[in-house]
C-alpha atoms as a PDB file:
ATOM      1  CA  UNK A   1       8.796 -54.280  -3.463  1.00  0.00           C
ATOM      2  CA  UNK A   2      11.525 -54.849  -5.784  1.00  0.00           C
ATOM      3  CA  UNK A   3      12.544 -50.563  -5.614  1.00  0.00           C
ATOM      4  CA  UNK A   4      11.967 -50.576  -2.061  1.00  0.00           C
ATOM      5  CA  UNK A   5      14.702 -53.849  -1.638  1.00  0.00           C
ATOM      6  CA  UNK A   6      16.612 -51.949  -4.344  1.00  0.00           C
ATOM      7  CA  UNK A   7      16.365 -48.419  -2.151  1.00  0.00           C
ATOM      8  CA  UNK A   8      17.263 -50.168   1.068  1.00  0.00           C
ATOM      9  CA  UNK A   9      20.448 -51.823  -1.090  1.00  0.00           C
ATOM     10  CA  UNK A  10      21.600 -48.853  -1.842  1.00  0.00           C
ATOM     11  CA  UNK A  11      21.537 -46.984   1.438  1.00  0.00           C
ATOM     12  CA  UNK A  12      23.313 -49.426   2.950  1.00  0.00           C
ATOM     13  CA  UNK A  13      26.030 -49.881   0.332  1.00  0.00           C
ATOM     14  CA  UNK A  14      26.627 -46.115   0.718  1.00  0.00           C
ATOM     15  CA  UNK A  15      26.781 -46.647   4.273  1.00  0.00           C
ATOM     16  CA  UNK A  16      28.989 -48.729   3.504  1.00  0.00           C
ATOM     17  CA  UNK A  17      31.260 -46.432   1.418  1.00  0.00           C
ATOM     18  CA  UNK A  18      30.895 -43.632   3.689  1.00  0.00           C
ATOM     19  CA  UNK A  19      32.837 -46.026   6.408  1.00  0.00           C
ATOM     20  CA  UNK A  20      35.210 -47.366   4.161  1.00  0.00           C
ATOM     21  CA  UNK A  21      35.653 -45.530   1.295  1.00  0.00           C
ATOM     22  CA  UNK A  22      34.558 -48.799  -1.190  1.00  0.00           C
ATOM     23  CA  UNK A  23      31.969 -48.671  -3.512  1.00  0.00           C
ATOM     24  CA  UNK A  24      30.245 -51.871  -4.385  1.00  0.00           C
ATOM     25  CA  UNK A  25      27.481 -53.607  -7.067  1.00  0.00           C
ATOM     26  CA  UNK A  26      23.703 -53.817  -5.710  1.00  0.00           C
ATOM     27  CA  UNK A  27      21.580 -56.519  -7.243  1.00  0.00           C
ATOM     28  CA  UNK A  28      17.887 -56.914  -6.803  1.00  0.00           C
ATOM     29  CA  UNK A  29      15.500 -58.669  -8.798  1.00  0.00           C
ATOM     30  CA  UNK A  30      11.687 -58.736  -8.737  1.00  0.00           C
ATOM     31  CA  UNK A  31      11.046 -62.840  -7.962  1.00  0.00           C
ATOM     32  CA  UNK A  32      13.855 -62.672  -5.053  1.00  0.00           C
ATOM     33  CA  UNK A  33      12.148 -59.597  -3.376  1.00  0.00           C
ATOM     34  CA  UNK A  34       8.616 -60.876  -3.581  1.00  0.00           C
ATOM     35  CA  UNK A  35       9.793 -64.189  -2.043  1.00  0.00           C
ATOM     36  CA  UNK A  36      11.708 -62.775   1.084  1.00  0.00           C
ATOM     37  CA  UNK A  37       9.142 -60.551   1.895  1.00  0.00           C
ATOM     38  CA  UNK A  38       7.031 -63.933   2.239  1.00  0.00           C
ATOM     39  CA  UNK A  39       9.938 -64.684   4.970  1.00  0.00           C
ATOM     40  CA  UNK A  40       7.472 -65.652   7.858  1.00  0.00           C
ATOM     41  CA  UNK A  41       5.388 -67.743   6.144  1.00  0.00           C
ATOM     42  CA  UNK A  42       7.835 -69.361   4.291  1.00  0.00           C
ATOM     43  CA  UNK A  43       9.921 -70.469   7.326  1.00  0.00           C
ATOM     44  CA  UNK A  44       6.798 -72.136   8.329  1.00  0.00           C
ATOM     45  CA  UNK A  45       7.173 -74.264   5.542  1.00  0.00           C
ATOM     46  CA  UNK A  46      10.824 -74.369   5.070  1.00  0.00           C
ATOM     47  CA  UNK A  47      11.447 -75.002   8.671  1.00  0.00           C
ATOM     48  CA  UNK A  48       8.264 -76.641  10.169  1.00  0.00           C
ATOM     49  CA  UNK A  49       7.624 -78.079   7.320  1.00  0.00           C
ATOM     50  CA  UNK A  50       3.682 -77.822   7.562  1.00  0.00           C
ATOM     51  CA  UNK A  51       2.540 -77.098   3.205  1.00  0.00           C
ATOM     52  CA  UNK A  52       0.114 -74.492   2.622  1.00  0.00           C
ATOM     53  CA  UNK A  53      -3.757 -75.641   3.173  1.00  0.00           C
ATOM     54  CA  UNK A  54      -6.101 -73.995   0.968  1.00  0.00           C
ATOM     55  CA  UNK A  55      -9.376 -73.350   2.804  1.00  0.00           C
ATOM     56  CA  UNK A  56     -13.005 -73.789   1.092  1.00  0.00           C
ATOM     57  CA  UNK A  57     -13.925 -70.244   2.920  1.00  0.00           C
ATOM     58  CA  UNK A  58     -12.114 -67.321   2.352  1.00  0.00           C
ATOM     59  CA  UNK A  59      -9.682 -67.318   5.004  1.00  0.00           C
ATOM     60  CA  UNK A  60      -7.406 -64.373   4.756  1.00  0.00           C
ATOM     61  CA  UNK A  61      -4.001 -66.542   5.903  1.00  0.00           C
ATOM     62  CA  UNK A  62      -3.000 -70.441   5.276  1.00  0.00           C
ATOM     63  CA  UNK A  63      -1.051 -70.185   8.839  1.00  0.00           C
ATOM     64  CA  UNK A  64      -2.615 -68.128  11.224  1.00  0.00           C
ATOM     65  CA  UNK A  65      -5.862 -69.615  12.560  1.00  0.00           C
ATOM     66  CA  UNK A  66      -9.605 -68.939  12.302  1.00  0.00           C
ATOM     67  CA  UNK A  67     -11.610 -66.477  12.358  1.00  0.00           C
ATOM     68  CA  UNK A  68      -8.822 -64.474  10.661  1.00  0.00           C
ATOM     69  CA  UNK A  69      -9.949 -62.030   7.100  1.00  0.00           C
ATOM     70  CA  UNK A  70     -12.733 -60.239   5.832  1.00  0.00           C
ATOM     71  CA  UNK A  71     -16.345 -60.756   6.333  1.00  0.00           C
ATOM     72  CA  UNK A  72     -19.518 -59.039   4.828  1.00  0.00           C
ATOM     73  CA  UNK A  73     -21.757 -57.212   7.035  1.00  0.00           C
ATOM     74  CA  UNK A  74     -25.614 -55.879   6.284  1.00  0.00           C
ATOM     75  CA  UNK A  75     -24.154 -52.860   4.780  1.00  0.00           C
ATOM     76  CA  UNK A  76     -20.566 -53.631   4.258  1.00  0.00           C
ATOM     77  CA  UNK A  77     -17.276 -55.176   4.933  1.00  0.00           C
ATOM     78  CA  UNK A  78     -15.036 -55.928   8.398  1.00  0.00           C
ATOM     79  CA  UNK A  79     -11.874 -57.318   9.073  1.00  0.00           C
ATOM     80  CA  UNK A  80     -11.697 -59.787  11.770  1.00  0.00           C
ATOM     81  CA  UNK A  81      -8.328 -60.998  13.593  1.00  0.00           C
ATOM     82  CA  UNK A  82      -7.520 -64.251  15.440  1.00  0.00           C
ATOM     83  CA  UNK A  83     -11.012 -63.454  17.982  1.00  0.00           C
ATOM     84  CA  UNK A  84     -10.544 -65.739  21.033  1.00  0.00           C
ATOM     85  CA  UNK A  85     -13.536 -68.380  20.432  1.00  0.00           C
ATOM     86  CA  UNK A  86     -15.146 -68.560  23.603  1.00  0.00           C
ATOM     87  CA  UNK A  87     -15.690 -64.304  23.962  1.00  0.00           C
ATOM     88  CA  UNK A  88     -16.578 -65.201  19.905  1.00  0.00           C
ATOM     89  CA  UNK A  89     -19.359 -67.339  20.500  1.00  0.00           C
ATOM     90  CA  UNK A  90     -20.982 -65.809  23.429  1.00  0.00           C
ATOM     91  CA  UNK A  91     -21.160 -62.341  21.435  1.00  0.00           C
ATOM     92  CA  UNK A  92     -22.344 -63.792  18.560  1.00  0.00           C
ATOM     93  CA  UNK A  93     -24.554 -65.785  20.506  1.00  0.00           C
ATOM     94  CA  UNK A  94     -23.714 -68.848  19.022  1.00  0.00           C
ATOM     95  CA  UNK A  95     -23.550 -72.304  20.918  1.00  0.00           C
ATOM     96  CA  UNK A  96     -20.902 -74.112  18.003  1.00  0.00           C
ATOM     97  CA  UNK A  97     -18.141 -72.204  19.635  1.00  0.00           C
ATOM     98  CA  UNK A  98     -19.171 -73.367  23.198  1.00  0.00           C
ATOM     99  CA  UNK A  99     -15.342 -75.400  24.930  1.00  0.00           C
ATOM    100  CA  UNK A 100     -13.406 -74.841  21.587  1.00  0.00           C
ATOM    101  CA  UNK A 101     -10.085 -74.256  22.366  1.00  0.00           C
ATOM    102  CA  UNK A 102      -8.164 -71.579  20.497  1.00  0.00           C
ATOM    103  CA  UNK A 103      -4.765 -72.820  19.416  1.00  0.00           C
ATOM    104  CA  UNK A 104      -6.577 -76.522  18.344  1.00  0.00           C
ATOM    105  CA  UNK A 105      -9.616 -75.902  16.874  1.00  0.00           C
ATOM    106  CA  UNK A 106      -8.958 -72.503  15.547  1.00  0.00           C
ATOM    107  CA  UNK A 107      -6.879 -74.398  13.016  1.00  0.00           C
ATOM    108  CA  UNK A 108      -8.743 -78.013  12.790  1.00  0.00           C
ATOM    109  CA  UNK A 109     -12.528 -76.168  12.521  1.00  0.00           C
ATOM    110  CA  UNK A 110     -10.887 -73.500  10.369  1.00  0.00           C
ATOM    111  CA  UNK A 111     -13.511 -73.281   7.604  1.00  0.00           C
ATOM    112  CA  UNK A 112     -16.702 -74.202   9.959  1.00  0.00           C
ATOM    113  CA  UNK A 113     -15.680 -70.846  12.385  1.00  0.00           C
ATOM    114  CA  UNK A 114     -15.333 -69.154   9.217  1.00  0.00           C
ATOM    115  CA  UNK A 115     -18.750 -70.253   7.889  1.00  0.00           C
ATOM    116  CA  UNK A 116     -20.567 -69.073  11.246  1.00  0.00           C
ATOM    117  CA  UNK A 117     -18.615 -66.128  11.705  1.00  0.00           C
ATOM    118  CA  UNK A 118     -19.780 -65.018   8.639  1.00  0.00           C
ATOM    119  CA  UNK A 119     -23.599 -65.916   8.278  1.00  0.00           C
ATOM    120  CA  UNK A 120     -23.589 -63.858  12.080  1.00  0.00           C
ATOM    121  CA  UNK A 121     -22.145 -60.925  10.905  1.00  0.00           C
ATOM    122  CA  UNK A 122     -24.453 -60.390   7.814  1.00  0.00           C
ATOM    123  CA  UNK A 123     -27.427 -59.640  10.545  1.00  0.00           C
ATOM    124  CA  UNK A 124     -26.026 -56.382  11.436  1.00  0.00           C
ATOM    125  CA  UNK A 125     -24.108 -53.463  10.196  1.00  0.00           C
ATOM    126  CA  UNK A 126     -20.455 -52.928  10.102  1.00  0.00           C
ATOM    127  CA  UNK A 127     -20.391 -50.325  12.769  1.00  0.00           C
ATOM    128  CA  UNK A 128     -22.902 -52.449  15.416  1.00  0.00           C
ATOM    129  CA  UNK A 129     -20.110 -54.941  14.701  1.00  0.00           C
ATOM    130  CA  UNK A 130     -17.671 -52.963  15.273  1.00  0.00           C
ATOM    131  CA  UNK A 131     -18.921 -51.332  18.756  1.00  0.00           C
ATOM    132  CA  UNK A 132     -19.820 -54.839  19.723  1.00  0.00           C
ATOM    133  CA  UNK A 133     -16.289 -56.293  18.909  1.00  0.00           C
ATOM    134  CA  UNK A 134     -14.617 -52.957  20.322  1.00  0.00           C
ATOM    135  CA  UNK A 135     -17.069 -53.104  24.250  1.00  0.00           C
ATOM    136  CA  UNK A 136     -15.355 -56.923  24.692  1.00  0.00           C
ATOM    137  CA  UNK A 137     -11.596 -56.100  23.273  1.00  0.00           C
ATOM    138  CA  UNK A 138     -11.659 -57.982  20.009  1.00  0.00           C
ATOM    139  CA  UNK A 139      -9.464 -57.419  16.968  1.00  0.00           C
ATOM    140  CA  UNK A 140     -11.863 -55.872  14.241  1.00  0.00           C
ATOM    141  CA  UNK A 141     -11.745 -52.775  12.113  1.00  0.00           C
ATOM    142  CA  UNK A 142     -13.735 -51.320   8.496  1.00  0.00           C
ATOM    143  CA  UNK A 143     -13.369 -51.794   6.037  1.00  0.00           C
ATOM    144  CA  UNK A 144     -12.392 -48.664   3.947  1.00  0.00           C
ATOM    145  CA  UNK A 145     -12.860 -47.738  -0.177  1.00  0.00           C
ATOM    146  CA  UNK A 146     -11.191 -44.757  -0.883  1.00  0.00           C
ATOM    147  CA  UNK A 147     -13.984 -42.028   0.155  1.00  0.00           C
ATOM    148  CA  UNK A 148     -13.672 -43.322   3.376  1.00  0.00           C
ATOM    149  CA  UNK A 149      -9.851 -43.200   3.439  1.00  0.00           C
ATOM    150  CA  UNK A 150      -9.741 -39.524   2.851  1.00  0.00           C
ATOM    151  CA  UNK A 151     -12.248 -38.861   5.082  1.00  0.00           C
ATOM    152  CA  UNK A 152     -10.525 -40.875   8.330  1.00  0.00           C
ATOM    153  CA  UNK A 153      -9.864 -38.855  11.684  1.00  0.00           C
ATOM    154  CA  UNK A 154      -6.427 -40.423  11.440  1.00  0.00           C
ATOM    155  CA  UNK A 155      -5.505 -39.751   7.749  1.00  0.00           C
ATOM    156  CA  UNK A 156      -6.880 -35.969   8.041  1.00  0.00           C
ATOM    157  CA  UNK A 157      -4.900 -35.697  11.937  1.00  0.00           C
ATOM    158  CA  UNK A 158      -1.398 -37.208  10.160  1.00  0.00           C
ATOM    159  CA  UNK A 159      -2.355 -34.696   7.116  1.00  0.00           C
ATOM    160  CA  UNK A 160      -1.189 -37.554   4.653  1.00  0.00           C
ATOM    161  CA  UNK A 161      -2.593 -35.646   1.742  1.00  0.00           C
ATOM    162  CA  UNK A 162      -1.353 -32.943   0.592  1.00  0.00           C
ATOM    163  CA  UNK A 163      -3.056 -29.714  -1.875  1.00  0.00           C
ATOM    164  CA  UNK A 164      -1.653 -27.149  -4.522  1.00  0.00           C
ATOM    165  CA  UNK A 165      -2.177 -25.860  -7.387  1.00  0.00           C
ATOM    166  CA  UNK A 166      -1.566 -27.079 -11.071  1.00  0.00           C
ATOM    167  CA  UNK A 167      -1.281 -25.266 -14.037  1.00  0.00           C
ATOM    168  CA  UNK A 168      -3.887 -27.360 -16.295  1.00  0.00           C
ATOM    169  CA  UNK A 169      -5.317 -29.404 -13.299  1.00  0.00           C
ATOM    170  CA  UNK A 170      -6.173 -26.668 -11.231  1.00  0.00           C
ATOM    171  CA  UNK A 171      -6.070 -27.433  -7.634  1.00  0.00           C
ATOM    172  CA  UNK A 172      -5.320 -31.246  -6.625  1.00  0.00           C
ATOM    173  CA  UNK A 173      -5.170 -33.345  -3.697  1.00  0.00           C
ATOM    174  CA  UNK A 174      -3.324 -36.076  -3.678  1.00  0.00           C
ATOM    175  CA  UNK A 175      -1.009 -38.340  -0.952  1.00  0.00           C
ATOM    176  CA  UNK A 176       2.087 -36.466   0.111  1.00  0.00           C
ATOM    177  CA  UNK A 177       5.375 -38.021   1.986  1.00  0.00           C
ATOM    178  CA  UNK A 178       4.897 -40.649   4.169  1.00  0.00           C
ATOM    179  CA  UNK A 179       8.081 -40.519   5.849  1.00  0.00           C
ATOM    180  CA  UNK A 180       8.726 -37.319   7.721  1.00  0.00           C
ATOM    181  CA  UNK A 181      12.067 -35.145   8.673  1.00  0.00           C
ATOM    182  CA  UNK A 182      12.847 -33.445  12.436  1.00  0.00           C
ATOM    183  CA  UNK A 183      15.374 -30.988  10.249  1.00  0.00           C
ATOM    184  CA  UNK A 184      14.478 -31.389   6.461  1.00  0.00           C
ATOM    185  CA  UNK A 185      10.609 -31.364   6.185  1.00  0.00           C
ATOM    186  CA  UNK A 186       8.950 -32.564   2.846  1.00  0.00           C
ATOM    187  CA  UNK A 187       6.942 -30.179   0.522  1.00  0.00           C
ATOM    188  CA  UNK A 188       5.505 -29.647  -2.361  1.00  0.00           C
ATOM    189  CA  UNK A 189       7.122 -25.938  -4.686  1.00  0.00           C
ATOM    190  CA  UNK A 190       5.469 -27.570  -7.765  1.00  0.00           C
ATOM    191  CA  UNK A 191       3.500 -30.081  -9.297  1.00  0.00           C
ATOM    192  CA  UNK A 192       4.619 -32.392 -12.147  1.00  0.00           C
ATOM    193  CA  UNK A 193       6.141 -30.480 -14.404  1.00  0.00           C
ATOM    194  CA  UNK A 194       4.623 -30.032 -18.177  1.00  0.00           C
ATOM    195  CA  UNK A 195       7.023 -30.481 -21.454  1.00  0.00           C
ATOM    196  CA  UNK A 196       9.043 -27.790 -21.325  1.00  0.00           C
ATOM    197  CA  UNK A 197       7.738 -25.466 -18.365  1.00  0.00           C
ATOM    198  CA  UNK A 198      10.861 -24.645 -16.938  1.00  0.00           C
ATOM    199  CA  UNK A 199      13.203 -25.179 -20.341  1.00  0.00           C
ATOM    200  CA  UNK A 200      13.874 -21.197 -19.876  1.00  0.00           C
ATOM    201  CA  UNK A 201      14.485 -21.667 -15.771  1.00  0.00           C
ATOM    202  CA  UNK A 202      16.476 -24.432 -16.408  1.00  0.00           C
ATOM    203  CA  UNK A 203      18.896 -23.329 -19.071  1.00  0.00           C
ATOM    204  CA  UNK A 204      19.368 -19.845 -17.140  1.00  0.00           C
ATOM    205  CA  UNK A 205      20.570 -21.738 -14.459  1.00  0.00           C
ATOM    206  CA  UNK A 206      23.167 -22.840 -16.401  1.00  0.00           C
ATOM    207  CA  UNK A 207      24.347 -20.111 -17.588  1.00  0.00           C
ATOM    208  CA  UNK A 208      22.899 -18.745 -20.568  1.00  0.00           C
ATOM    209  CA  UNK A 209      21.471 -15.595 -21.237  1.00  0.00           C
ATOM    210  CA  UNK A 210      18.329 -14.617 -22.616  1.00  0.00           C
ATOM    211  CA  UNK A 211      19.365 -14.178 -26.494  1.00  0.00           C
ATOM    212  CA  UNK A 212      20.949 -17.660 -26.311  1.00  0.00           C
ATOM    213  CA  UNK A 213      17.797 -19.160 -24.901  1.00  0.00           C
ATOM    214  CA  UNK A 214      15.323 -17.248 -27.481  1.00  0.00           C
ATOM    215  CA  UNK A 215      17.631 -18.799 -30.157  1.00  0.00           C
ATOM    216  CA  UNK A 216      17.353 -22.433 -28.947  1.00  0.00           C
ATOM    217  CA  UNK A 217      13.837 -22.158 -28.444  1.00  0.00           C
ATOM    218  CA  UNK A 218      13.341 -20.697 -31.949  1.00  0.00           C
ATOM    219  CA  UNK A 219      15.215 -23.088 -33.456  1.00  0.00           C
ATOM    220  CA  UNK A 220      13.365 -25.894 -32.575  1.00  0.00           C
ATOM    221  CA  UNK A 221      16.690 -27.995 -30.262  1.00  0.00           C
ATOM    222  CA  UNK A 222      14.844 -26.909 -27.361  1.00  0.00           C
ATOM    223  CA  UNK A 223      11.026 -27.258 -26.401  1.00  0.00           C
ATOM    224  CA  UNK A 224       9.215 -24.567 -24.496  1.00  0.00           C
ATOM    225  CA  UNK A 225       5.497 -25.064 -22.947  1.00  0.00           C
ATOM    226  CA  UNK A 226       3.465 -22.067 -24.211  1.00  0.00           C
END
């Protein structure tokens, strides 16, 4: 987060320089970066005066009503977010949720709601629950490991992963570029260089002839990858 904040700060300063001709010092620190990224939650505390309250259950957010978090199923895990309690109770066939108010009981009975959902979701597979949730428009999703992520249809459609040939590792598949440019699309021309792999190429671009490069390599001034 600090690096990303530094990128934003440098970009804004460059824009200011382009407009005014004036440069400036941009300073970022890790503590401020990780604090300000919690703007929403901290504002609930600083403006609303509502302290954080730790749950007995593994509820995912101190300021969001139940159910909210990751739940185990019979064969994996799913996420569930702020389901309408009456609709959820009907789906789970659990009378505990009868007559509950989302915004009041979702807070005051947070642990009990989480516990009831946790027990029920163990009785069927992730896909079975996701199909049931989709049918009644309840926000839910699968919890992926890397194997599922790489094979996800949307990931494939996006072209999130790229492949290229590496001189020592062979064919490499790795995450590519999350930013897409309409005029200057990103691409990989080569993998991360080995030590000295491009010494001759770089020195030639600087104007040195072959004999001069040979002398630098032979004398050990520069490294050339074998």
